[in-house]
Amino acid sequence: MPEPAVVQPLAVDMRRLTRVGARPKFLDYLVQLWDFRDFIFYDSRARVQSGTRRDRLGSAWLLLNPIFNGLTYYVMFGLLLQTGRGIENYIGYLVIGIFIFQASASAITTGARSIHSNKAVVQAFNFPRATLPIGANIREMMANVPLILAMLLIITLVPPVEKISWLWLMILPALALQSIFNLGIGLILARIISRVHDATHLLPFFIRAWMYGSAIFYSYDRFITHPEILAAMKINPLFNVIDIIRNCILYAQPPTWQSWAILAVWALAALMIGMVFFWQGEESYGRG
């Protein structure tokens, strides 16, 4: 009978082992996100294409929803409450406000719910969790391309029509800063909602109050005379992005540097704070 093989001890360098699901260093975390860039992009594109496949009108609802919202607000505020008096091209004013605000509202809401709505994936696989809110934001950016094109088409076709000028190109950096801001806020809310799901019930009320404070269907200088309230409204990031786009498209006026500065500060601050805040909770996602 052969003698049993002698068990040889194997030296293992424990310093090279990492705990499964452990939070990496922040810079390493950013590198991991970059490595997942192709997955984020293709997954976002696939979800945009399949998002309305069950509806008979399909992707047309991406345009019909803001159009119906715009018609509703036009009847209520433009015709019944007459909030558009004194506003040049009120239809264009309202369309820009509705379309641009809805883009942010949808991106922030989707990003905020991305961790909780994908809890099974978070629990089953090991990957940087920030790919979910980032993917949600990219998905909304893709879905908003026909939305923005439809907005511009309405403004150039519905009287009083606006002429296309080089200033229209300035809406591109404004939309880019808006998307960065949306991502930052989505990251912050995603961590909060992953731990306190009740916050999702408060989110629609917060979005609605934000909409009323962004001068979507009224002119702020007509209704607001209190200087503190007026100052608070003017530092609202969504008010500034809407104001920049209105100036470029409707009034052929270059936006003020103050509007650009406020929007840029909000966007960059939201992204930096959101990334760090979300990264700090990396190990907690999927628990409970």
C-alpha atoms as a PDB file:
ATOM      1  CA  MET A   1       0.000   0.000   0.000  1.00  0.00           C
ATOM      2  CA  PRO A   2       1.595   3.276  -1.077  1.00  0.00           C
ATOM      3  CA  GLU A   3       2.393   5.779   1.579  1.00  0.00           C
ATOM      4  CA  PRO A   4       0.211   8.917   1.598  1.00  0.00           C
ATOM      5  CA  ALA A   5       1.722  11.933  -0.082  1.00  0.00           C
ATOM      6  CA  VAL A   6       3.322  14.365   2.247  1.00  0.00           C
ATOM      7  CA  VAL A   7       1.354  17.592   2.479  1.00  0.00           C
ATOM      8  CA  GLN A   8       3.637  20.466   1.685  1.00  0.00           C
ATOM      9  CA  PRO A   9       2.880  23.779   3.346  1.00  0.00           C
ATOM     10  CA  LEU A  10       2.108  26.581   0.888  1.00  0.00           C
ATOM     11  CA  ALA A  11       3.094  30.095   1.728  1.00  0.00           C
ATOM     12  CA  VAL A  12       0.375  32.652   0.976  1.00  0.00           C
ATOM     13  CA  ASP A  13       1.056  36.354   0.966  1.00  0.00           C
ATOM     14  CA  MET A  14      -2.037  37.661   2.774  1.00  0.00           C
ATOM     15  CA  ARG A  15      -1.088  41.218   1.923  1.00  0.00           C
ATOM     16  CA  ARG A  16      -2.111  40.632  -1.697  1.00  0.00           C
ATOM     17  CA  LEU A  17      -5.578  39.358  -0.802  1.00  0.00           C
ATOM     18  CA  THR A  18      -8.548  41.682  -0.705  1.00  0.00           C
ATOM     19  CA  ARG A  19     -11.925  41.143   0.851  1.00  0.00           C
ATOM     20  CA  VAL A  20     -14.724  40.515  -1.652  1.00  0.00           C
ATOM     21  CA  GLY A  21     -16.790  43.675  -1.988  1.00  0.00           C
ATOM     22  CA  ALA A  22     -14.221  45.809  -0.202  1.00  0.00           C
ATOM     23  CA  ARG A  23     -14.160  49.480  -1.090  1.00  0.00           C
ATOM     24  CA  PRO A  24     -11.069  50.329  -3.143  1.00  0.00           C
ATOM     25  CA  LYS A  25      -9.168  53.563  -2.893  1.00  0.00           C
ATOM     26  CA  PHE A  26     -10.903  56.467  -4.588  1.00  0.00           C
ATOM     27  CA  LEU A  27      -8.485  56.730  -7.534  1.00  0.00           C
ATOM     28  CA  ASP A  28      -8.605  52.953  -8.018  1.00  0.00           C
ATOM     29  CA  TYR A  29     -12.385  53.216  -7.989  1.00  0.00           C
ATOM     30  CA  LEU A  30     -12.309  55.778 -10.796  1.00  0.00           C
ATOM     31  CA  VAL A  31     -10.011  53.493 -12.801  1.00  0.00           C
ATOM     32  CA  GLN A  32     -12.474  50.628 -12.338  1.00  0.00           C
ATOM     33  CA  LEU A  33     -15.289  52.813 -13.607  1.00  0.00           C
ATOM     34  CA  TRP A  34     -13.244  53.683 -16.672  1.00  0.00           C
ATOM     35  CA  ASP A  35     -12.642  49.975 -17.307  1.00  0.00           C
ATOM     36  CA  PHE A  36     -16.423  49.479 -17.328  1.00  0.00           C
ATOM     37  CA  ARG A  37     -17.028  52.307 -19.840  1.00  0.00           C
ATOM     38  CA  ASP A  38     -17.957  50.016 -22.757  1.00  0.00           C
ATOM     39  CA  PHE A  39     -20.441  48.084 -20.634  1.00  0.00           C
ATOM     40  CA  ILE A  40     -22.016  51.324 -19.382  1.00  0.00           C
ATOM     41  CA  PHE A  41     -22.424  52.719 -22.888  1.00  0.00           C
ATOM     42  CA  TYR A  42     -23.810  49.597 -24.574  1.00  0.00           C
ATOM     43  CA  ASP A  43     -26.114  48.785 -21.679  1.00  0.00           C
ATOM     44  CA  SER A  44     -27.467  52.346 -21.717  1.00  0.00           C
ATOM     45  CA  ARG A  45     -28.084  52.224 -25.457  1.00  0.00           C
ATOM     46  CA  ALA A  46     -29.825  48.866 -25.235  1.00  0.00           C
ATOM     47  CA  ARG A  47     -32.123  50.060 -22.457  1.00  0.00           C
ATOM     48  CA  VAL A  48     -33.066  53.187 -24.402  1.00  0.00           C
ATOM     49  CA  GLN A  49     -34.001  51.078 -27.423  1.00  0.00           C
ATOM     50  CA  SER A  50     -36.031  48.596 -25.371  1.00  0.00           C
ATOM     51  CA  GLY A  51     -37.531  51.027 -22.872  1.00  0.00           C
ATOM     52  CA  THR A  52     -40.713  51.745 -24.841  1.00  0.00           C
ATOM     53  CA  ARG A  53     -40.830  48.571 -26.941  1.00  0.00           C
ATOM     54  CA  ARG A  54     -43.984  47.330 -25.206  1.00  0.00           C
ATOM     55  CA  ASP A  55     -45.892  50.503 -26.102  1.00  0.00           C
ATOM     56  CA  ARG A  56     -47.647  50.649 -29.448  1.00  0.00           C
ATOM     57  CA  LEU A  57     -46.175  54.042 -30.257  1.00  0.00           C
ATOM     58  CA  GLY A  58     -42.740  52.956 -29.023  1.00  0.00           C
ATOM     59  CA  SER A  59     -40.112  55.681 -28.836  1.00  0.00           C
ATOM     60  CA  ALA A  60     -42.654  58.309 -29.894  1.00  0.00           C
ATOM     61  CA  TRP A  61     -43.599  58.596 -26.220  1.00  0.00           C
ATOM     62  CA  LEU A  62     -40.209  60.184 -25.568  1.00  0.00           C
ATOM     63  CA  LEU A  63     -41.576  63.183 -27.487  1.00  0.00           C
ATOM     64  CA  LEU A  64     -45.286  62.890 -26.719  1.00  0.00           C
ATOM     65  CA  ASN A  65     -44.873  63.056 -22.927  1.00  0.00           C
ATOM     66  CA  PRO A  66     -43.228  66.520 -22.827  1.00  0.00           C
ATOM     67  CA  ILE A  67     -45.518  67.764 -25.606  1.00  0.00           C
ATOM     68  CA  PHE A  68     -48.629  66.777 -23.659  1.00  0.00           C
ATOM     69  CA  ASN A  69     -47.130  68.298 -20.511  1.00  0.00           C
ATOM     70  CA  GLY A  70     -46.443  71.498 -22.417  1.00  0.00           C
ATOM     71  CA  LEU A  71     -50.011  71.644 -23.737  1.00  0.00           C
ATOM     72  CA  THR A  72     -51.403  71.073 -20.253  1.00  0.00           C
ATOM     73  CA  TYR A  73     -49.294  73.845 -18.716  1.00  0.00           C
ATOM     74  CA  TYR A  74     -50.072  76.170 -21.623  1.00  0.00           C
ATOM     75  CA  VAL A  75     -53.818  75.767 -21.090  1.00  0.00           C
ATOM     76  CA  MET A  76     -53.597  76.108 -17.299  1.00  0.00           C
ATOM     77  CA  PHE A  77     -51.017  78.842 -16.949  1.00  0.00           C
ATOM     78  CA  GLY A  78     -50.969  80.536 -20.338  1.00  0.00           C
ATOM     79  CA  LEU A  79     -54.675  80.675 -21.157  1.00  0.00           C
ATOM     80  CA  LEU A  80     -56.472  80.422 -17.805  1.00  0.00           C
ATOM     81  CA  LEU A  81     -54.057  82.111 -15.363  1.00  0.00           C
ATOM     82  CA  GLN A  82     -52.439  84.405 -17.949  1.00  0.00           C
ATOM     83  CA  THR A  83     -48.955  83.988 -16.489  1.00  0.00           C
ATOM     84  CA  GLY A  84     -47.474  84.539 -19.942  1.00  0.00           C
ATOM     85  CA  ARG A  85     -48.529  88.173 -20.259  1.00  0.00           C
ATOM     86  CA  GLY A  86     -45.541  90.326 -21.086  1.00  0.00           C
ATOM     87  CA  ILE A  87     -43.373  87.364 -22.121  1.00  0.00           C
ATOM     88  CA  GLU A  88     -42.187  87.499 -25.713  1.00  0.00           C
ATOM     89  CA  ASN A  89     -42.904  84.187 -27.517  1.00  0.00           C
ATOM     90  CA  TYR A  90     -44.525  82.535 -24.535  1.00  0.00           C
ATOM     91  CA  ILE A  91     -44.932  79.226 -26.385  1.00  0.00           C
ATOM     92  CA  GLY A  92     -41.189  78.991 -26.944  1.00  0.00           C
ATOM     93  CA  TYR A  93     -40.566  80.177 -23.379  1.00  0.00           C
ATOM     94  CA  LEU A  94     -42.811  77.423 -22.016  1.00  0.00           C
ATOM     95  CA  VAL A  95     -41.520  74.693 -24.347  1.00  0.00           C
ATOM     96  CA  ILE A  96     -37.891  75.311 -23.379  1.00  0.00           C
ATOM     97  CA  GLY A  97     -38.752  75.363 -19.686  1.00  0.00           C
ATOM     98  CA  ILE A  98     -40.786  72.144 -19.801  1.00  0.00           C
ATOM     99  CA  PHE A  99     -38.424  70.158 -22.012  1.00  0.00           C
ATOM    100  CA  ILE A 100     -35.204  71.158 -20.216  1.00  0.00           C
ATOM    101  CA  PHE A 101     -36.614  70.698 -16.725  1.00  0.00           C
ATOM    102  CA  GLN A 102     -38.113  67.322 -17.592  1.00  0.00           C
ATOM    103  CA  ALA A 103     -34.700  66.189 -18.854  1.00  0.00           C
ATOM    104  CA  SER A 104     -33.183  66.917 -15.441  1.00  0.00           C
ATOM    105  CA  ALA A 105     -36.126  65.543 -13.467  1.00  0.00           C
ATOM    106  CA  SER A 106     -36.041  62.244 -15.358  1.00  0.00           C
ATOM    107  CA  ALA A 107     -32.239  61.865 -15.105  1.00  0.00           C
ATOM    108  CA  ILE A 108     -32.121  62.665 -11.384  1.00  0.00           C
ATOM    109  CA  THR A 109     -35.054  60.379 -10.570  1.00  0.00           C
ATOM    110  CA  THR A 110     -33.666  57.461 -12.586  1.00  0.00           C
ATOM    111  CA  GLY A 111     -30.190  57.863 -11.131  1.00  0.00           C
ATOM    112  CA  ALA A 112     -31.547  58.154  -7.596  1.00  0.00           C
ATOM    113  CA  ARG A 113     -33.412  54.855  -7.905  1.00  0.00           C
ATOM    114  CA  SER A 114     -30.694  53.001  -9.823  1.00  0.00           C
ATOM    115  CA  ILE A 115     -29.213  51.123  -6.842  1.00  0.00           C
ATOM    116  CA  HIS A 116     -32.488  50.113  -5.236  1.00  0.00           C
ATOM    117  CA  SER A 117     -34.123  49.081  -8.530  1.00  0.00           C
ATOM    118  CA  ASN A 118     -31.097  46.898  -9.398  1.00  0.00           C
ATOM    119  CA  LYS A 119     -30.642  45.400  -5.932  1.00  0.00           C
ATOM    120  CA  ALA A 120     -30.554  41.812  -7.225  1.00  0.00           C
ATOM    121  CA  VAL A 121     -27.705  42.664  -9.609  1.00  0.00           C
ATOM    122  CA  VAL A 122     -25.827  44.492  -6.853  1.00  0.00           C
ATOM    123  CA  GLN A 123     -26.084  41.467  -4.553  1.00  0.00           C
ATOM    124  CA  ALA A 124     -25.108  38.947  -7.232  1.00  0.00           C
ATOM    125  CA  PHE A 125     -22.111  40.542  -8.955  1.00  0.00           C
ATOM    126  CA  ASN A 126     -18.972  42.388  -7.954  1.00  0.00           C
ATOM    127  CA  PHE A 127     -18.528  45.634  -9.885  1.00  0.00           C
ATOM    128  CA  PRO A 128     -18.208  49.342  -9.063  1.00  0.00           C
ATOM    129  CA  ARG A 129     -21.726  50.316  -8.047  1.00  0.00           C
ATOM    130  CA  ALA A 130     -21.423  53.810  -9.501  1.00  0.00           C
ATOM    131  CA  THR A 131     -21.797  52.232 -12.954  1.00  0.00           C
ATOM    132  CA  LEU A 132     -25.548  52.051 -12.256  1.00  0.00           C
ATOM    133  CA  PRO A 133     -26.265  55.772 -11.661  1.00  0.00           C
ATOM    134  CA  ILE A 134     -23.728  56.711 -14.352  1.00  0.00           C
ATOM    135  CA  GLY A 135     -25.421  54.352 -16.791  1.00  0.00           C
ATOM    136  CA  ALA A 136     -28.816  55.771 -15.857  1.00  0.00           C
ATOM    137  CA  ASN A 137     -27.574  59.293 -16.556  1.00  0.00           C
ATOM    138  CA  ILE A 138     -26.083  58.320 -19.931  1.00  0.00           C
ATOM    139  CA  ARG A 139     -29.315  56.532 -20.798  1.00  0.00           C
ATOM    140  CA  GLU A 140     -31.289  59.690 -20.107  1.00  0.00           C
ATOM    141  CA  MET A 141     -28.831  61.756 -22.161  1.00  0.00           C
ATOM    142  CA  MET A 142     -29.415  59.460 -25.139  1.00  0.00           C
ATOM    143  CA  ALA A 143     -33.169  59.591 -24.669  1.00  0.00           C
ATOM    144  CA  ASN A 144     -33.036  63.399 -24.510  1.00  0.00           C
ATOM    145  CA  VAL A 145     -31.420  63.808 -27.937  1.00  0.00           C
ATOM    146  CA  PRO A 146     -34.748  63.506 -29.833  1.00  0.00           C
ATOM    147  CA  LEU A 147     -36.331  65.564 -27.054  1.00  0.00           C
ATOM    148  CA  ILE A 148     -33.977  68.507 -27.665  1.00  0.00           C
ATOM    149  CA  LEU A 149     -34.327  68.198 -31.449  1.00  0.00           C
ATOM    150  CA  ALA A 150     -38.119  68.261 -31.120  1.00  0.00           C
ATOM    151  CA  MET A 151     -37.875  71.322 -28.865  1.00  0.00           C
ATOM    152  CA  LEU A 152     -35.814  73.181 -31.473  1.00  0.00           C
ATOM    153  CA  LEU A 153     -38.157  72.063 -34.238  1.00  0.00           C
ATOM    154  CA  ILE A 154     -41.215  73.371 -32.386  1.00  0.00           C
ATOM    155  CA  ILE A 155     -39.526  76.728 -31.812  1.00  0.00           C
ATOM    156  CA  THR A 156     -38.654  77.087 -35.500  1.00  0.00           C
ATOM    157  CA  LEU A 157     -42.099  76.015 -36.776  1.00  0.00           C
ATOM    158  CA  VAL A 158     -44.692  77.317 -34.295  1.00  0.00           C
ATOM    159  CA  PRO A 159     -45.347  81.085 -34.602  1.00  0.00           C
ATOM    160  CA  PRO A 160     -43.723  83.322 -33.655  1.00  0.00           C
ATOM    161  CA  VAL A 161     -40.858  81.376 -35.200  1.00  0.00           C
ATOM    162  CA  GLU A 162     -37.270  82.027 -34.172  1.00  0.00           C
ATOM    163  CA  LYS A 163     -34.352  82.262 -36.578  1.00  0.00           C
ATOM    164  CA  ILE A 164     -31.415  79.920 -36.181  1.00  0.00           C
ATOM    165  CA  SER A 165     -28.203  81.684 -35.156  1.00  0.00           C
ATOM    166  CA  TRP A 166     -24.700  80.772 -34.023  1.00  0.00           C
ATOM    167  CA  LEU A 167     -25.825  81.344 -30.434  1.00  0.00           C
ATOM    168  CA  TRP A 168     -27.739  78.077 -30.646  1.00  0.00           C
ATOM    169  CA  LEU A 169     -24.386  76.278 -30.413  1.00  0.00           C
ATOM    170  CA  MET A 170     -23.995  77.615 -26.880  1.00  0.00           C
ATOM    171  CA  ILE A 171     -26.760  75.329 -25.659  1.00  0.00           C
ATOM    172  CA  LEU A 172     -24.367  72.361 -26.048  1.00  0.00           C
ATOM    173  CA  PRO A 173     -22.043  73.309 -23.146  1.00  0.00           C
ATOM    174  CA  ALA A 174     -25.114  74.298 -21.126  1.00  0.00           C
ATOM    175  CA  LEU A 175     -26.635  70.847 -21.656  1.00  0.00           C
ATOM    176  CA  ALA A 176     -23.288  69.227 -20.819  1.00  0.00           C
ATOM    177  CA  LEU A 177     -23.094  71.082 -17.499  1.00  0.00           C
ATOM    178  CA  GLN A 178     -26.717  70.171 -16.830  1.00  0.00           C
ATOM    179  CA  SER A 179     -25.928  66.469 -17.346  1.00  0.00           C
ATOM    180  CA  ILE A 180     -22.936  66.683 -14.995  1.00  0.00           C
ATOM    181  CA  PHE A 181     -25.156  68.287 -12.364  1.00  0.00           C
ATOM    182  CA  ASN A 182     -27.829  65.618 -12.869  1.00  0.00           C
ATOM    183  CA  LEU A 183     -25.244  62.870 -12.355  1.00  0.00           C
ATOM    184  CA  GLY A 184     -23.902  64.417  -9.156  1.00  0.00           C
ATOM    185  CA  ILE A 185     -27.347  64.782  -7.599  1.00  0.00           C
ATOM    186  CA  GLY A 186     -28.292  61.284  -8.769  1.00  0.00           C
ATOM    187  CA  LEU A 187     -25.223  59.804  -7.045  1.00  0.00           C
ATOM    188  CA  ILE A 188     -26.047  61.546  -3.770  1.00  0.00           C
ATOM    189  CA  LEU A 189     -29.684  60.458  -3.820  1.00  0.00           C
ATOM    190  CA  ALA A 190     -28.816  56.909  -4.934  1.00  0.00           C
ATOM    191  CA  ARG A 191     -26.859  56.300  -1.747  1.00  0.00           C
ATOM    192  CA  ILE A 192     -29.555  57.874   0.430  1.00  0.00           C
ATOM    193  CA  ILE A 193     -32.392  55.894  -1.167  1.00  0.00           C
ATOM    194  CA  SER A 194     -30.397  52.647  -1.028  1.00  0.00           C
ATOM    195  CA  ARG A 195     -30.463  52.942   2.774  1.00  0.00           C
ATOM    196  CA  VAL A 196     -33.737  54.828   3.327  1.00  0.00           C
ATOM    197  CA  HIS A 197     -36.207  53.724   0.670  1.00  0.00           C
ATOM    198  CA  ASP A 198     -38.910  55.971   2.109  1.00  0.00           C
ATOM    199  CA  ALA A 199     -37.041  58.878   0.517  1.00  0.00           C
ATOM    200  CA  THR A 200     -38.395  57.803  -2.886  1.00  0.00           C
ATOM    201  CA  HIS A 201     -41.851  58.950  -1.791  1.00  0.00           C
ATOM    202  CA  LEU A 202     -40.514  62.417  -1.043  1.00  0.00           C
ATOM    203  CA  LEU A 203     -38.611  62.747  -4.315  1.00  0.00           C
ATOM    204  CA  PRO A 204     -41.632  63.601  -6.536  1.00  0.00           C
ATOM    205  CA  PHE A 205     -42.668  66.383  -4.148  1.00  0.00           C
ATOM    206  CA  PHE A 206     -39.131  67.754  -4.150  1.00  0.00           C
ATOM    207  CA  ILE A 207     -39.015  67.676  -7.977  1.00  0.00           C
ATOM    208  CA  ARG A 208     -42.397  69.394  -8.241  1.00  0.00           C
ATOM    209  CA  ALA A 209     -41.413  72.158  -5.821  1.00  0.00           C
ATOM    210  CA  TRP A 210     -38.161  72.588  -7.744  1.00  0.00           C
ATOM    211  CA  MET A 211     -40.127  72.986 -10.966  1.00  0.00           C
ATOM    212  CA  TYR A 212     -42.313  75.744  -9.517  1.00  0.00           C
ATOM    213  CA  GLY A 213     -39.175  77.535  -8.326  1.00  0.00           C
ATOM    214  CA  SER A 214     -37.465  77.429 -11.731  1.00  0.00           C
ATOM    215  CA  ALA A 215     -39.672  79.929 -13.614  1.00  0.00           C
ATOM    216  CA  ILE A 216     -40.949  77.316 -16.060  1.00  0.00           C
ATOM    217  CA  PHE A 217     -44.255  78.965 -16.932  1.00  0.00           C
ATOM    218  CA  TYR A 218     -43.952  82.473 -15.541  1.00  0.00           C
ATOM    219  CA  SER A 219     -41.490  85.337 -15.547  1.00  0.00           C
ATOM    220  CA  TYR A 220     -39.804  85.635 -12.158  1.00  0.00           C
ATOM    221  CA  ASP A 221     -39.511  89.436 -12.311  1.00  0.00           C
ATOM    222  CA  ARG A 222     -43.297  89.779 -12.689  1.00  0.00           C
ATOM    223  CA  PHE A 223     -44.331  87.793  -9.621  1.00  0.00           C
ATOM    224  CA  ILE A 224     -41.358  88.025  -7.263  1.00  0.00           C
ATOM    225  CA  THR A 225     -40.570  91.324  -5.589  1.00  0.00           C
ATOM    226  CA  HIS A 226     -38.928  90.023  -2.422  1.00  0.00           C
ATOM    227  CA  PRO A 227     -35.143  90.444  -2.937  1.00  0.00           C
ATOM    228  CA  GLU A 228     -34.133  87.388  -0.871  1.00  0.00           C
ATOM    229  CA  ILE A 229     -36.489  85.074  -2.765  1.00  0.00           C
ATOM    230  CA  LEU A 230     -35.347  86.539  -6.070  1.00  0.00           C
ATOM    231  CA  ALA A 231     -31.697  86.024  -5.148  1.00  0.00           C
ATOM    232  CA  ALA A 232     -32.388  82.405  -4.148  1.00  0.00           C
ATOM    233  CA  MET A 233     -34.106  81.747  -7.467  1.00  0.00           C
ATOM    234  CA  LYS A 234     -31.209  83.203  -9.446  1.00  0.00           C
ATOM    235  CA  ILE A 235     -28.741  80.716  -7.944  1.00  0.00           C
ATOM    236  CA  ASN A 236     -31.031  77.786  -8.806  1.00  0.00           C
ATOM    237  CA  PRO A 237     -28.951  75.669 -11.242  1.00  0.00           C
ATOM    238  CA  LEU A 238     -31.936  74.565 -13.316  1.00  0.00           C
ATOM    239  CA  PHE A 239     -33.197  78.128 -13.572  1.00  0.00           C
ATOM    240  CA  ASN A 240     -29.787  79.128 -14.900  1.00  0.00           C
ATOM    241  CA  VAL A 241     -29.551  76.391 -17.527  1.00  0.00           C
ATOM    242  CA  ILE A 242     -33.078  77.211 -18.715  1.00  0.00           C
ATOM    243  CA  ASP A 243     -32.284  80.937 -18.738  1.00  0.00           C
ATOM    244  CA  ILE A 244     -29.095  80.354 -20.760  1.00  0.00           C
ATOM    245  CA  ILE A 245     -30.959  78.331 -23.387  1.00  0.00           C
ATOM    246  CA  ARG A 246     -33.804  80.832 -23.568  1.00  0.00           C
ATOM    247  CA  ASN A 247     -31.388  83.701 -24.099  1.00  0.00           C
ATOM    248  CA  CYS A 248     -29.581  81.843 -26.884  1.00  0.00           C
ATOM    249  CA  ILE A 249     -32.647  80.553 -28.734  1.00  0.00           C
ATOM    250  CA  LEU A 250     -35.450  83.032 -28.109  1.00  0.00           C
ATOM    251  CA  TYR A 251     -33.778  86.377 -27.544  1.00  0.00           C
ATOM    252  CA  ALA A 252     -30.480  86.071 -29.494  1.00  0.00           C
ATOM    253  CA  GLN A 253     -28.568  87.327 -26.473  1.00  0.00           C
ATOM    254  CA  PRO A 254     -25.304  85.833 -25.168  1.00  0.00           C
ATOM    255  CA  PRO A 255     -25.878  84.530 -21.628  1.00  0.00           C
ATOM    256  CA  THR A 256     -24.235  86.473 -18.829  1.00  0.00           C
ATOM    257  CA  TRP A 257     -21.009  85.151 -17.339  1.00  0.00           C
ATOM    258  CA  GLN A 258     -22.760  84.991 -13.966  1.00  0.00           C
ATOM    259  CA  SER A 259     -25.206  82.389 -15.314  1.00  0.00           C
ATOM    260  CA  TRP A 260     -22.354  80.294 -16.683  1.00  0.00           C
ATOM    261  CA  ALA A 261     -20.378  80.607 -13.451  1.00  0.00           C
ATOM    262  CA  ILE A 262     -23.315  79.596 -11.240  1.00  0.00           C
ATOM    263  CA  LEU A 263     -24.166  76.614 -13.428  1.00  0.00           C
ATOM    264  CA  ALA A 264     -20.527  75.469 -13.658  1.00  0.00           C
ATOM    265  CA  VAL A 265     -19.989  75.709  -9.905  1.00  0.00           C
ATOM    266  CA  TRP A 266     -23.163  73.738  -9.195  1.00  0.00           C
ATOM    267  CA  ALA A 267     -22.286  71.068 -11.780  1.00  0.00           C
ATOM    268  CA  LEU A 268     -18.689  70.502 -10.674  1.00  0.00           C
ATOM    269  CA  ALA A 269     -19.513  70.674  -6.965  1.00  0.00           C
ATOM    270  CA  ALA A 270     -22.397  68.211  -7.362  1.00  0.00           C
ATOM    271  CA  LEU A 271     -20.196  65.777  -9.299  1.00  0.00           C
ATOM    272  CA  MET A 272     -17.270  65.884  -6.862  1.00  0.00           C
ATOM    273  CA  ILE A 273     -19.429  65.650  -3.756  1.00  0.00           C
ATOM    274  CA  GLY A 274     -21.646  63.000  -5.347  1.00  0.00           C
ATOM    275  CA  MET A 275     -18.752  60.768  -6.397  1.00  0.00           C
ATOM    276  CA  VAL A 276     -17.028  60.909  -3.016  1.00  0.00           C
ATOM    277  CA  PHE A 277     -20.282  60.477  -1.086  1.00  0.00           C
ATOM    278  CA  PHE A 278     -21.340  57.521  -3.224  1.00  0.00           C
ATOM    279  CA  TRP A 279     -17.887  55.894  -3.062  1.00  0.00           C
ATOM    280  CA  GLN A 280     -17.898  56.090   0.739  1.00  0.00           C
ATOM    281  CA  GLY A 281     -20.977  53.890   0.809  1.00  0.00           C
ATOM    282  CA  GLU A 282     -19.689  51.340  -1.728  1.00  0.00           C
ATOM    283  CA  GLU A 283     -19.621  48.442   0.750  1.00  0.00           C
ATOM    284  CA  SER A 284     -23.166  49.071   1.984  1.00  0.00           C
ATOM    285  CA  TYR A 285     -25.051  48.670  -1.303  1.00  0.00           C
ATOM    286  CA  GLY A 286     -27.076  45.492  -1.579  1.00  0.00           C
ATOM    287  CA  ARG A 287     -27.190  44.787   2.140  1.00  0.00           C
ATOM    288  CA  GLY A 288     -30.427  44.290   3.982  1.00  0.00           C
END
